[in-house]
Amino acid sequence: REMMASCYELLSKMQPFNKWNLPHESNIHFSHIRANSFYGDCLYDKHKPRIRTTTRIKTLPMFLETMAHELVHLKQGMSGKDDGSEHGPEFRKLAKKVCRELGFVYKKF
């Protein structure tokens, strides 16, 4: 959890996240879970958003990219622009911007 909070703090200070008015790390519930079908998830709840990562993540670059991916979901939840599809048009628009800024490969994001 501490590593997740530190990663979140780092990313939240970088573009484009630093312009998204994300909650302070202390206002997010971080946890790790065992899962074989995905790397992370984000549940937006304005009282205490949740970000989880799975034990499938084996490298630092994968960890950073997973956290960045979940921050896109967090932004969607905060803005109310979640269109109901997991990776719909709004997600893709934000994800492309994140990938451009941070050098992630969009097709893998």
PDB file of N, CA and C in Angstrom:
ATOM      1  N   ARG A   1       0.815  -1.205   0.000  1.00  0.00           N
ATOM      2  CA  ARG A   1       0.000   0.000   0.000  1.00  0.00           C
ATOM      3  C   ARG A   1       0.852   1.260   0.000  1.00  0.00           C
ATOM      4  N   GLU A   2       1.925   1.198   0.762  1.00  0.00           N
ATOM      5  CA  GLU A   2       2.816   2.356   0.834  1.00  0.00           C
ATOM      6  C   GLU A   2       3.447   2.635  -0.532  1.00  0.00           C
ATOM      7  N   MET A   3       3.850   1.576  -1.219  1.00  0.00           N
ATOM      8  CA  MET A   3       4.430   1.730  -2.554  1.00  0.00           C
ATOM      9  C   MET A   3       3.383   2.278  -3.528  1.00  0.00           C
ATOM     10  N   MET A   4       2.145   1.810  -3.414  1.00  0.00           N
ATOM     11  CA  MET A   4       1.078   2.314  -4.276  1.00  0.00           C
ATOM     12  C   MET A   4       0.840   3.794  -4.018  1.00  0.00           C
ATOM     13  N   ALA A   5       0.802   4.178  -2.751  1.00  0.00           N
ATOM     14  CA  ALA A   5       0.586   5.587  -2.408  1.00  0.00           C
ATOM     15  C   ALA A   5       1.734   6.444  -2.931  1.00  0.00           C
ATOM     16  N   SER A   6       2.958   5.943  -2.837  1.00  0.00           N
ATOM     17  CA  SER A   6       4.114   6.690  -3.343  1.00  0.00           C
ATOM     18  C   SER A   6       4.056   6.832  -4.859  1.00  0.00           C
ATOM     19  N   CYS A   7       3.675   5.771  -5.545  1.00  0.00           N
ATOM     20  CA  CYS A   7       3.536   5.800  -7.003  1.00  0.00           C
ATOM     21  C   CYS A   7       2.441   6.788  -7.402  1.00  0.00           C
ATOM     22  N   TYR A   8       1.330   6.748  -6.693  1.00  0.00           N
ATOM     23  CA  TYR A   8       0.220   7.672  -6.941  1.00  0.00           C
ATOM     24  C   TYR A   8       0.696   9.114  -6.761  1.00  0.00           C
ATOM     25  N   GLU A   9       1.411   9.361  -5.672  1.00  0.00           N
ATOM     26  CA  GLU A   9       1.904  10.711  -5.404  1.00  0.00           C
ATOM     27  C   GLU A   9       2.827  11.190  -6.523  1.00  0.00           C
ATOM     28  N   LEU A  10       3.730  10.330  -6.960  1.00  0.00           N
ATOM     29  CA  LEU A  10       4.634  10.675  -8.060  1.00  0.00           C
ATOM     30  C   LEU A  10       3.851  11.027  -9.320  1.00  0.00           C
ATOM     31  N   LEU A  11       2.955  10.127  -9.728  1.00  0.00           N
ATOM     32  CA  LEU A  11       2.194  10.364 -10.960  1.00  0.00           C
ATOM     33  C   LEU A  11       1.314  11.607 -10.854  1.00  0.00           C
ATOM     34  N   SER A  12       0.740  11.846  -9.687  1.00  0.00           N
ATOM     35  CA  SER A  12      -0.163  12.996  -9.535  1.00  0.00           C
ATOM     36  C   SER A  12       0.559  14.335  -9.692  1.00  0.00           C
ATOM     37  N   LYS A  13       1.875  14.311  -9.611  1.00  0.00           N
ATOM     38  CA  LYS A  13       2.660  15.536  -9.788  1.00  0.00           C
ATOM     39  C   LYS A  13       3.134  15.709 -11.239  1.00  0.00           C
ATOM     40  N   MET A  14       2.869  14.714 -12.072  1.00  0.00           N
ATOM     41  CA  MET A  14       3.304  14.751 -13.468  1.00  0.00           C
ATOM     42  C   MET A  14       2.131  15.101 -14.381  1.00  0.00           C
ATOM     43  N   GLN A  15       2.487  15.623 -15.572  1.00  0.00           N
ATOM     44  CA  GLN A  15       1.439  15.909 -16.556  1.00  0.00           C
ATOM     45  C   GLN A  15       0.952  14.614 -17.167  1.00  0.00           C
ATOM     46  N   PRO A  16      -0.292  14.488 -17.483  1.00  0.00           N
ATOM     47  CA  PRO A  16      -1.363  15.462 -17.335  1.00  0.00           C
ATOM     48  C   PRO A  16      -2.059  15.412 -15.985  1.00  0.00           C
ATOM     49  N   PHE A  17      -1.663  14.461 -15.113  1.00  0.00           N
ATOM     50  CA  PHE A  17      -2.366  14.256 -13.853  1.00  0.00           C
ATOM     51  C   PHE A  17      -2.361  15.491 -12.955  1.00  0.00           C
ATOM     52  N   ASN A  18      -1.278  16.271 -13.014  1.00  0.00           N
ATOM     53  CA  ASN A  18      -1.180  17.432 -12.129  1.00  0.00           C
ATOM     54  C   ASN A  18      -2.221  18.508 -12.432  1.00  0.00           C
ATOM     55  N   LYS A  19      -2.916  18.385 -13.529  1.00  0.00           N
ATOM     56  CA  LYS A  19      -3.968  19.343 -13.885  1.00  0.00           C
ATOM     57  C   LYS A  19      -5.371  18.769 -13.626  1.00  0.00           C
ATOM     58  N   TRP A  20      -5.452  17.557 -13.122  1.00  0.00           N
ATOM     59  CA  TRP A  20      -6.736  16.874 -12.964  1.00  0.00           C
ATOM     60  C   TRP A  20      -7.371  17.030 -11.587  1.00  0.00           C
ATOM     61  N   ASN A  21      -6.709  17.710 -10.669  1.00  0.00           N
ATOM     62  CA  ASN A  21      -7.258  17.930  -9.329  1.00  0.00           C
ATOM     63  C   ASN A  21      -7.619  16.598  -8.644  1.00  0.00           C
ATOM     64  N   LEU A  22      -6.700  15.650  -8.705  1.00  0.00           N
ATOM     65  CA  LEU A  22      -6.916  14.342  -8.094  1.00  0.00           C
ATOM     66  C   LEU A  22      -6.880  14.457  -6.574  1.00  0.00           C
ATOM     67  N   PRO A  23      -7.574  13.568  -5.871  1.00  0.00           N
ATOM     68  CA  PRO A  23      -7.544  13.613  -4.400  1.00  0.00           C
ATOM     69  C   PRO A  23      -6.155  13.318  -3.852  1.00  0.00           C
ATOM     70  N   HIS A  24      -5.896  13.816  -2.672  1.00  0.00           N
ATOM     71  CA  HIS A  24      -4.635  13.513  -1.998  1.00  0.00           C
ATOM     72  C   HIS A  24      -4.579  12.015  -1.740  1.00  0.00           C
ATOM     73  N   GLU A  25      -3.382  11.477  -1.750  1.00  0.00           N
ATOM     74  CA  GLU A  25      -3.199  10.026  -1.565  1.00  0.00           C
ATOM     75  C   GLU A  25      -3.832   9.516  -0.273  1.00  0.00           C
ATOM     76  N   SER A  26      -3.870  10.347   0.764  1.00  0.00           N
ATOM     77  CA  SER A  26      -4.456   9.918   2.044  1.00  0.00           C
ATOM     78  C   SER A  26      -5.968   9.716   1.942  1.00  0.00           C
ATOM     79  N   ASN A  27      -6.562  10.224   0.885  1.00  0.00           N
ATOM     80  CA  ASN A  27      -8.004  10.084   0.680  1.00  0.00           C
ATOM     81  C   ASN A  27      -8.355   8.938  -0.263  1.00  0.00           C
ATOM     82  N   ILE A  28      -7.392   8.067  -0.524  1.00  0.00           N
ATOM     83  CA  ILE A  28      -7.624   6.930  -1.410  1.00  0.00           C
ATOM     84  C   ILE A  28      -7.310   5.652  -0.647  1.00  0.00           C
ATOM     85  N   HIS A  29      -8.138   4.658  -0.834  1.00  0.00           N
ATOM     86  CA  HIS A  29      -7.888   3.345  -0.235  1.00  0.00           C
ATOM     87  C   HIS A  29      -7.115   2.508  -1.243  1.00  0.00           C
ATOM     88  N   PHE A  30      -5.881   2.160  -0.915  1.00  0.00           N
ATOM     89  CA  PHE A  30      -5.031   1.343  -1.776  1.00  0.00           C
ATOM     90  C   PHE A  30      -5.000  -0.085  -1.238  1.00  0.00           C
ATOM     91  N   SER A  31      -5.013  -1.054  -2.140  1.00  0.00           N
ATOM     92  CA  SER A  31      -4.874  -2.447  -1.711  1.00  0.00           C
ATOM     93  C   SER A  31      -4.369  -3.300  -2.864  1.00  0.00           C
ATOM     94  N   HIS A  32      -3.862  -4.464  -2.509  1.00  0.00           N
ATOM     95  CA  HIS A  32      -3.406  -5.463  -3.485  1.00  0.00           C
ATOM     96  C   HIS A  32      -4.364  -6.641  -3.422  1.00  0.00           C
ATOM     97  N   ILE A  33      -4.616  -7.242  -4.568  1.00  0.00           N
ATOM     98  CA  ILE A  33      -5.482  -8.411  -4.628  1.00  0.00           C
ATOM     99  C   ILE A  33      -4.847  -9.467  -5.530  1.00  0.00           C
ATOM    100  N   ARG A  34      -5.308 -10.671  -5.386  1.00  0.00           N
ATOM    101  CA  ARG A  34      -4.910 -11.755  -6.283  1.00  0.00           C
ATOM    102  C   ARG A  34      -5.946 -11.830  -7.397  1.00  0.00           C
ATOM    103  N   ALA A  35      -5.476 -11.760  -8.623  1.00  0.00           N
ATOM    104  CA  ALA A  35      -6.376 -11.876  -9.778  1.00  0.00           C
ATOM    105  C   ALA A  35      -5.554 -12.304 -10.973  1.00  0.00           C
ATOM    106  N   ASN A  36      -6.125 -13.126 -11.796  1.00  0.00           N
ATOM    107  CA  ASN A  36      -5.431 -13.611 -12.990  1.00  0.00           C
ATOM    108  C   ASN A  36      -5.889 -12.915 -14.259  1.00  0.00           C
ATOM    109  N   SER A  37      -6.995 -12.204 -14.210  1.00  0.00           N
ATOM    110  CA  SER A  37      -7.566 -11.678 -15.451  1.00  0.00           C
ATOM    111  C   SER A  37      -7.332 -10.181 -15.663  1.00  0.00           C
ATOM    112  N   PHE A  38      -6.785  -9.472 -14.677  1.00  0.00           N
ATOM    113  CA  PHE A  38      -6.542  -8.038 -14.840  1.00  0.00           C
ATOM    114  C   PHE A  38      -5.397  -7.592 -13.940  1.00  0.00           C
ATOM    115  N   TYR A  39      -4.912  -6.369 -14.158  1.00  0.00           N
ATOM    116  CA  TYR A  39      -3.773  -5.841 -13.396  1.00  0.00           C
ATOM    117  C   TYR A  39      -4.182  -4.886 -12.285  1.00  0.00           C
ATOM    118  N   GLY A  40      -5.310  -4.213 -12.441  1.00  0.00           N
ATOM    119  CA  GLY A  40      -5.736  -3.266 -11.434  1.00  0.00           C
ATOM    120  C   GLY A  40      -7.171  -2.861 -11.652  1.00  0.00           C
ATOM    121  N   ASP A  41      -7.709  -2.159 -10.667  1.00  0.00           N
ATOM    122  CA  ASP A  41      -9.042  -1.588 -10.847  1.00  0.00           C
ATOM    123  C   ASP A  41      -9.171  -0.337  -9.997  1.00  0.00           C
ATOM    124  N   CYS A  42     -10.189   0.428 -10.327  1.00  0.00           N
ATOM    125  CA  CYS A  42     -10.465   1.663  -9.612  1.00  0.00           C
ATOM    126  C   CYS A  42     -11.970   1.747  -9.418  1.00  0.00           C
ATOM    127  N   LEU A  43     -12.372   1.972  -8.191  1.00  0.00           N
ATOM    128  CA  LEU A  43     -13.778   2.172  -7.885  1.00  0.00           C
ATOM    129  C   LEU A  43     -13.913   3.586  -7.364  1.00  0.00           C
ATOM    130  N   TYR A  44     -14.652   4.414  -8.092  1.00  0.00           N
ATOM    131  CA  TYR A  44     -14.783   5.801  -7.642  1.00  0.00           C
ATOM    132  C   TYR A  44     -15.927   5.908  -6.652  1.00  0.00           C
ATOM    133  N   ASP A  45     -15.598   6.383  -5.497  1.00  0.00           N
ATOM    134  CA  ASP A  45     -16.564   6.695  -4.451  1.00  0.00           C
ATOM    135  C   ASP A  45     -16.055   7.992  -3.847  1.00  0.00           C
ATOM    136  N   LYS A  46     -16.864   9.051  -3.906  1.00  0.00           N
ATOM    137  CA  LYS A  46     -16.355  10.360  -3.474  1.00  0.00           C
ATOM    138  C   LYS A  46     -15.958  10.387  -2.000  1.00  0.00           C
ATOM    139  N   HIS A  47     -16.414   9.416  -1.212  1.00  0.00           N
ATOM    140  CA  HIS A  47     -16.014   9.370   0.196  1.00  0.00           C
ATOM    141  C   HIS A  47     -14.634   8.744   0.363  1.00  0.00           C
ATOM    142  N   LYS A  48     -14.339   7.726  -0.426  1.00  0.00           N
ATOM    143  CA  LYS A  48     -13.030   7.084  -0.346  1.00  0.00           C
ATOM    144  C   LYS A  48     -12.818   6.242  -1.601  1.00  0.00           C
ATOM    145  N   PRO A  49     -12.271   6.840  -2.674  1.00  0.00           N
ATOM    146  CA  PRO A  49     -12.001   6.059  -3.890  1.00  0.00           C
ATOM    147  C   PRO A  49     -11.056   4.902  -3.575  1.00  0.00           C
ATOM    148  N   ARG A  50     -11.164   3.837  -4.365  1.00  0.00           N
ATOM    149  CA  ARG A  50     -10.334   2.654  -4.164  1.00  0.00           C
ATOM    150  C   ARG A  50      -9.514   2.385  -5.416  1.00  0.00           C
ATOM    151  N   ILE A  51      -8.237   2.121  -5.218  1.00  0.00           N
ATOM    152  CA  ILE A  51      -7.366   1.669  -6.302  1.00  0.00           C
ATOM    153  C   ILE A  51      -6.703   0.386  -5.822  1.00  0.00           C
ATOM    154  N   ARG A  52      -6.846  -0.679  -6.622  1.00  0.00           N
ATOM    155  CA  ARG A  52      -6.227  -1.961  -6.292  1.00  0.00           C
ATOM    156  C   ARG A  52      -5.303  -2.380  -7.422  1.00  0.00           C
ATOM    157  N   THR A  53      -4.228  -3.031  -7.066  1.00  0.00           N
ATOM    158  CA  THR A  53      -3.357  -3.652  -8.067  1.00  0.00           C
ATOM    159  C   THR A  53      -3.265  -5.129  -7.734  1.00  0.00           C
ATOM    160  N   THR A  54      -2.918  -5.910  -8.739  1.00  0.00           N
ATOM    161  CA  THR A  54      -2.876  -7.350  -8.550  1.00  0.00           C
ATOM    162  C   THR A  54      -1.449  -7.863  -8.418  1.00  0.00           C
ATOM    163  N   THR A  55      -1.348  -9.086  -8.003  1.00  0.00           N
ATOM    164  CA  THR A  55      -0.048  -9.725  -7.841  1.00  0.00           C
ATOM    165  C   THR A  55       0.572 -10.104  -9.186  1.00  0.00           C
ATOM    166  N   ARG A  56      -0.154  -9.886 -10.298  1.00  0.00           N
ATOM    167  CA  ARG A  56       0.383 -10.167 -11.637  1.00  0.00           C
ATOM    168  C   ARG A  56       1.465  -9.171 -12.040  1.00  0.00           C
ATOM    169  N   ILE A  57       1.502  -8.027 -11.401  1.00  0.00           N
ATOM    170  CA  ILE A  57       2.449  -6.968 -11.768  1.00  0.00           C
ATOM    171  C   ILE A  57       3.831  -7.348 -11.255  1.00  0.00           C
ATOM    172  N   LYS A  58       4.766  -7.491 -12.186  1.00  0.00           N
ATOM    173  CA  LYS A  58       6.099  -8.002 -11.824  1.00  0.00           C
ATOM    174  C   LYS A  58       7.226  -6.987 -11.974  1.00  0.00           C
ATOM    175  N   THR A  59       6.995  -5.865 -12.679  1.00  0.00           N
ATOM    176  CA  THR A  59       8.075  -4.904 -12.911  1.00  0.00           C
ATOM    177  C   THR A  59       7.622  -3.491 -12.549  1.00  0.00           C
ATOM    178  N   LEU A  60       8.587  -2.624 -12.294  1.00  0.00           N
ATOM    179  CA  LEU A  60       8.272  -1.227 -11.978  1.00  0.00           C
ATOM    180  C   LEU A  60       7.565  -0.530 -13.137  1.00  0.00           C
ATOM    181  N   PRO A  61       8.032  -0.678 -14.396  1.00  0.00           N
ATOM    182  CA  PRO A  61       7.304  -0.028 -15.491  1.00  0.00           C
ATOM    183  C   PRO A  61       5.842  -0.495 -15.583  1.00  0.00           C
ATOM    184  N   MET A  62       5.610  -1.784 -15.359  1.00  0.00           N
ATOM    185  CA  MET A  62       4.245  -2.308 -15.406  1.00  0.00           C
ATOM    186  C   MET A  62       3.412  -1.725 -14.254  1.00  0.00           C
ATOM    187  N   PHE A  63       4.042  -1.572 -13.105  1.00  0.00           N
ATOM    188  CA  PHE A  63       3.358  -1.000 -11.945  1.00  0.00           C
ATOM    189  C   PHE A  63       2.963   0.450 -12.209  1.00  0.00           C
ATOM    190  N   LEU A  64       3.900   1.244 -12.738  1.00  0.00           N
ATOM    191  CA  LEU A  64       3.616   2.651 -13.048  1.00  0.00           C
ATOM    192  C   LEU A  64       2.519   2.779 -14.103  1.00  0.00           C
ATOM    193  N   GLU A  65       2.588   1.947 -15.124  1.00  0.00           N
ATOM    194  CA  GLU A  65       1.593   2.014 -16.183  1.00  0.00           C
ATOM    195  C   GLU A  65       0.213   1.601 -15.672  1.00  0.00           C
ATOM    196  N   THR A  66       0.176   0.584 -14.828  1.00  0.00           N
ATOM    197  CA  THR A  66      -1.106   0.161 -14.252  1.00  0.00           C
ATOM    198  C   THR A  66      -1.699   1.268 -13.396  1.00  0.00           C
ATOM    199  N   MET A  67      -0.878   1.895 -12.570  1.00  0.00           N
ATOM    200  CA  MET A  67      -1.374   2.985 -11.729  1.00  0.00           C
ATOM    201  C   MET A  67      -1.859   4.147 -12.595  1.00  0.00           C
ATOM    202  N   ALA A  68      -1.123   4.480 -13.647  1.00  0.00           N
ATOM    203  CA  ALA A  68      -1.549   5.560 -14.549  1.00  0.00           C
ATOM    204  C   ALA A  68      -2.891   5.210 -15.196  1.00  0.00           C
ATOM    205  N   HIS A  69      -3.056   3.968 -15.598  1.00  0.00           N
ATOM    206  CA  HIS A  69      -4.308   3.497 -16.197  1.00  0.00           C
ATOM    207  C   HIS A  69      -5.471   3.692 -15.210  1.00  0.00           C
ATOM    208  N   GLU A  70      -5.247   3.331 -13.955  1.00  0.00           N
ATOM    209  CA  GLU A  70      -6.307   3.471 -12.958  1.00  0.00           C
ATOM    210  C   GLU A  70      -6.590   4.933 -12.632  1.00  0.00           C
ATOM    211  N   LEU A  71      -5.597   5.797 -12.779  1.00  0.00           N
ATOM    212  CA  LEU A  71      -5.838   7.225 -12.562  1.00  0.00           C
ATOM    213  C   LEU A  71      -6.746   7.801 -13.642  1.00  0.00           C
ATOM    214  N   VAL A  72      -6.688   7.249 -14.838  1.00  0.00           N
ATOM    215  CA  VAL A  72      -7.613   7.671 -15.893  1.00  0.00           C
ATOM    216  C   VAL A  72      -9.041   7.316 -15.466  1.00  0.00           C
ATOM    217  N   HIS A  73      -9.225   6.109 -14.929  1.00  0.00           N
ATOM    218  CA  HIS A  73     -10.550   5.716 -14.434  1.00  0.00           C
ATOM    219  C   HIS A  73     -10.989   6.609 -13.270  1.00  0.00           C
ATOM    220  N   LEU A  74     -10.069   6.962 -12.393  1.00  0.00           N
ATOM    221  CA  LEU A  74     -10.383   7.848 -11.277  1.00  0.00           C
ATOM    222  C   LEU A  74     -10.852   9.200 -11.790  1.00  0.00           C
ATOM    223  N   LYS A  75     -10.136   9.745 -12.760  1.00  0.00           N
ATOM    224  CA  LYS A  75     -10.521  11.029 -13.356  1.00  0.00           C
ATOM    225  C   LYS A  75     -11.920  10.950 -13.960  1.00  0.00           C
ATOM    226  N   GLN A  76     -12.214   9.863 -14.657  1.00  0.00           N
ATOM    227  CA  GLN A  76     -13.544   9.689 -15.233  1.00  0.00           C
ATOM    228  C   GLN A  76     -14.613   9.695 -14.149  1.00  0.00           C
ATOM    229  N   GLY A  77     -14.358   8.962 -13.083  1.00  0.00           N
ATOM    230  CA  GLY A  77     -15.326   8.904 -11.994  1.00  0.00           C
ATOM    231  C   GLY A  77     -15.527  10.255 -11.339  1.00  0.00           C
ATOM    232  N   MET A  78     -14.452  10.992 -11.134  1.00  0.00           N
ATOM    233  CA  MET A  78     -14.542  12.304 -10.505  1.00  0.00           C
ATOM    234  C   MET A  78     -15.296  13.300 -11.368  1.00  0.00           C
ATOM    235  N   SER A  79     -15.101  13.218 -12.680  1.00  0.00           N
ATOM    236  CA  SER A  79     -15.713  14.194 -13.578  1.00  0.00           C
ATOM    237  C   SER A  79     -17.133  13.818 -13.982  1.00  0.00           C
ATOM    238  N   GLY A  80     -17.538  12.589 -13.637  1.00  0.00           N
ATOM    239  CA  GLY A  80     -18.872  12.144 -14.030  1.00  0.00           C
ATOM    240  C   GLY A  80     -18.970  11.818 -15.505  1.00  0.00           C
ATOM    241  N   LYS A  81     -17.835  11.663 -16.167  1.00  0.00           N
ATOM    242  CA  LYS A  81     -17.823  11.391 -17.604  1.00  0.00           C
ATOM    243  C   LYS A  81     -17.593   9.919 -17.917  1.00  0.00           C
ATOM    244  N   ASP A  82     -17.879   9.083 -16.942  1.00  0.00           N
ATOM    245  CA  ASP A  82     -17.783   7.645 -17.179  1.00  0.00           C
ATOM    246  C   ASP A  82     -19.006   7.250 -17.988  1.00  0.00           C
ATOM    247  N   ASP A  83     -18.784   6.807 -19.201  1.00  0.00           N
ATOM    248  CA  ASP A  83     -19.903   6.523 -20.108  1.00  0.00           C
ATOM    249  C   ASP A  83     -20.478   5.119 -19.933  1.00  0.00           C
ATOM    250  N   GLY A  84     -20.064   4.430 -18.877  1.00  0.00           N
ATOM    251  CA  GLY A  84     -20.604   3.106 -18.614  1.00  0.00           C
ATOM    252  C   GLY A  84     -19.812   1.975 -19.251  1.00  0.00           C
ATOM    253  N   SER A  85     -19.053   2.286 -20.276  1.00  0.00           N
ATOM    254  CA  SER A  85     -18.200   1.244 -20.858  1.00  0.00           C
ATOM    255  C   SER A  85     -16.820   1.378 -20.219  1.00  0.00           C
ATOM    256  N   GLU A  86     -16.199   0.274 -19.988  1.00  0.00           N
ATOM    257  CA  GLU A  86     -14.938   0.280 -19.252  1.00  0.00           C
ATOM    258  C   GLU A  86     -13.880   1.157 -19.913  1.00  0.00           C
ATOM    259  N   HIS A  87     -13.762   1.074 -21.232  1.00  0.00           N
ATOM    260  CA  HIS A  87     -12.746   1.841 -21.958  1.00  0.00           C
ATOM    261  C   HIS A  87     -13.381   2.511 -23.170  1.00  0.00           C
ATOM    262  N   GLY A  88     -14.395   3.316 -22.904  1.00  0.00           N
ATOM    263  CA  GLY A  88     -15.120   4.012 -23.960  1.00  0.00           C
ATOM    264  C   GLY A  88     -14.381   5.240 -24.472  1.00  0.00           C
ATOM    265  N   PRO A  89     -15.083   6.073 -25.225  1.00  0.00           N
ATOM    266  CA  PRO A  89     -14.454   7.242 -25.867  1.00  0.00           C
ATOM    267  C   PRO A  89     -13.752   8.193 -24.903  1.00  0.00           C
ATOM    268  N   GLU A  90     -14.364   8.481 -23.756  1.00  0.00           N
ATOM    269  CA  GLU A  90     -13.746   9.408 -22.804  1.00  0.00           C
ATOM    270  C   GLU A  90     -12.465   8.804 -22.235  1.00  0.00           C
ATOM    271  N   PHE A  91     -12.499   7.515 -21.905  1.00  0.00           N
ATOM    272  CA  PHE A  91     -11.294   6.848 -21.407  1.00  0.00           C
ATOM    273  C   PHE A  91     -10.195   6.916 -22.460  1.00  0.00           C
ATOM    274  N   ARG A  92     -10.529   6.585 -23.696  1.00  0.00           N
ATOM    275  CA  ARG A  92      -9.520   6.559 -24.761  1.00  0.00           C
ATOM    276  C   ARG A  92      -8.904   7.938 -24.976  1.00  0.00           C
ATOM    277  N   LYS A  93      -9.712   8.975 -24.908  1.00  0.00           N
ATOM    278  CA  LYS A  93      -9.210  10.344 -25.074  1.00  0.00           C
ATOM    279  C   LYS A  93      -8.186  10.680 -23.981  1.00  0.00           C
ATOM    280  N   LEU A  94      -8.543  10.409 -22.724  1.00  0.00           N
ATOM    281  CA  LEU A  94      -7.631  10.681 -21.615  1.00  0.00           C
ATOM    282  C   LEU A  94      -6.399   9.778 -21.669  1.00  0.00           C
ATOM    283  N   ALA A  95      -6.599   8.507 -22.013  1.00  0.00           N
ATOM    284  CA  ALA A  95      -5.494   7.549 -22.070  1.00  0.00           C
ATOM    285  C   ALA A  95      -4.468   7.957 -23.125  1.00  0.00           C
ATOM    286  N   LYS A  96      -4.930   8.416 -24.268  1.00  0.00           N
ATOM    287  CA  LYS A  96      -4.002   8.851 -25.315  1.00  0.00           C
ATOM    288  C   LYS A  96      -3.140  10.009 -24.820  1.00  0.00           C
ATOM    289  N   LYS A  97      -3.763  10.917 -24.084  1.00  0.00           N
ATOM    290  CA  LYS A  97      -3.016  12.057 -23.548  1.00  0.00           C
ATOM    291  C   LYS A  97      -1.965  11.575 -22.538  1.00  0.00           C
ATOM    292  N   VAL A  98      -2.344  10.673 -21.662  1.00  0.00           N
ATOM    293  CA  VAL A  98      -1.410  10.122 -20.678  1.00  0.00           C
ATOM    294  C   VAL A  98      -0.251   9.419 -21.380  1.00  0.00           C
ATOM    295  N   CYS A  99      -0.569   8.611 -22.370  1.00  0.00           N
ATOM    296  CA  CYS A  99       0.475   7.868 -23.091  1.00  0.00           C
ATOM    297  C   CYS A  99       1.435   8.803 -23.811  1.00  0.00           C
ATOM    298  N   ARG A 100       0.904   9.853 -24.420  1.00  0.00           N
ATOM    299  CA  ARG A 100       1.756  10.843 -25.093  1.00  0.00           C
ATOM    300  C   ARG A 100       2.699  11.512 -24.093  1.00  0.00           C
ATOM    301  N   GLU A 101       2.161  11.920 -22.960  1.00  0.00           N
ATOM    302  CA  GLU A 101       2.957  12.646 -21.962  1.00  0.00           C
ATOM    303  C   GLU A 101       4.007  11.766 -21.291  1.00  0.00           C
ATOM    304  N   LEU A 102       3.647  10.510 -21.005  1.00  0.00           N
ATOM    305  CA  LEU A 102       4.526   9.666 -20.191  1.00  0.00           C
ATOM    306  C   LEU A 102       5.242   8.577 -20.985  1.00  0.00           C
ATOM    307  N   GLY A 103       4.980   8.475 -22.278  1.00  0.00           N
ATOM    308  CA  GLY A 103       5.720   7.531 -23.105  1.00  0.00           C
ATOM    309  C   GLY A 103       5.224   6.100 -23.040  1.00  0.00           C
ATOM    310  N   PHE A 104       3.988   5.894 -22.593  1.00  0.00           N
ATOM    311  CA  PHE A 104       3.421   4.554 -22.601  1.00  0.00           C
ATOM    312  C   PHE A 104       2.925   4.227 -23.993  1.00  0.00           C
ATOM    313  N   VAL A 105       2.864   2.953 -24.325  1.00  0.00           N
ATOM    314  CA  VAL A 105       2.345   2.492 -25.622  1.00  0.00           C
ATOM    315  C   VAL A 105       0.836   2.392 -25.496  1.00  0.00           C
ATOM    316  N   TYR A 106       0.112   3.231 -26.245  1.00  0.00           N
ATOM    317  CA  TYR A 106      -1.342   3.306 -26.110  1.00  0.00           C
ATOM    318  C   TYR A 106      -2.021   1.948 -26.319  1.00  0.00           C
ATOM    319  N   LYS A 107      -1.595   1.179 -27.296  1.00  0.00           N
ATOM    320  CA  LYS A 107      -2.260  -0.103 -27.589  1.00  0.00           C
ATOM    321  C   LYS A 107      -2.138  -1.098 -26.439  1.00  0.00           C
ATOM    322  N   LYS A 108      -1.143  -0.923 -25.582  1.00  0.00           N
ATOM    323  CA  LYS A 108      -0.973  -1.800 -24.426  1.00  0.00           C
ATOM    324  C   LYS A 108      -1.571  -1.193 -23.160  1.00  0.00           C
ATOM    325  N   PHE A 109      -1.909   0.067 -23.208  1.00  0.00           N
ATOM    326  CA  PHE A 109      -2.386   0.789 -22.038  1.00  0.00           C
ATOM    327  C   PHE A 109      -3.795   0.373 -21.680  1.00  0.00           C
TER     328      PHE A 109
END
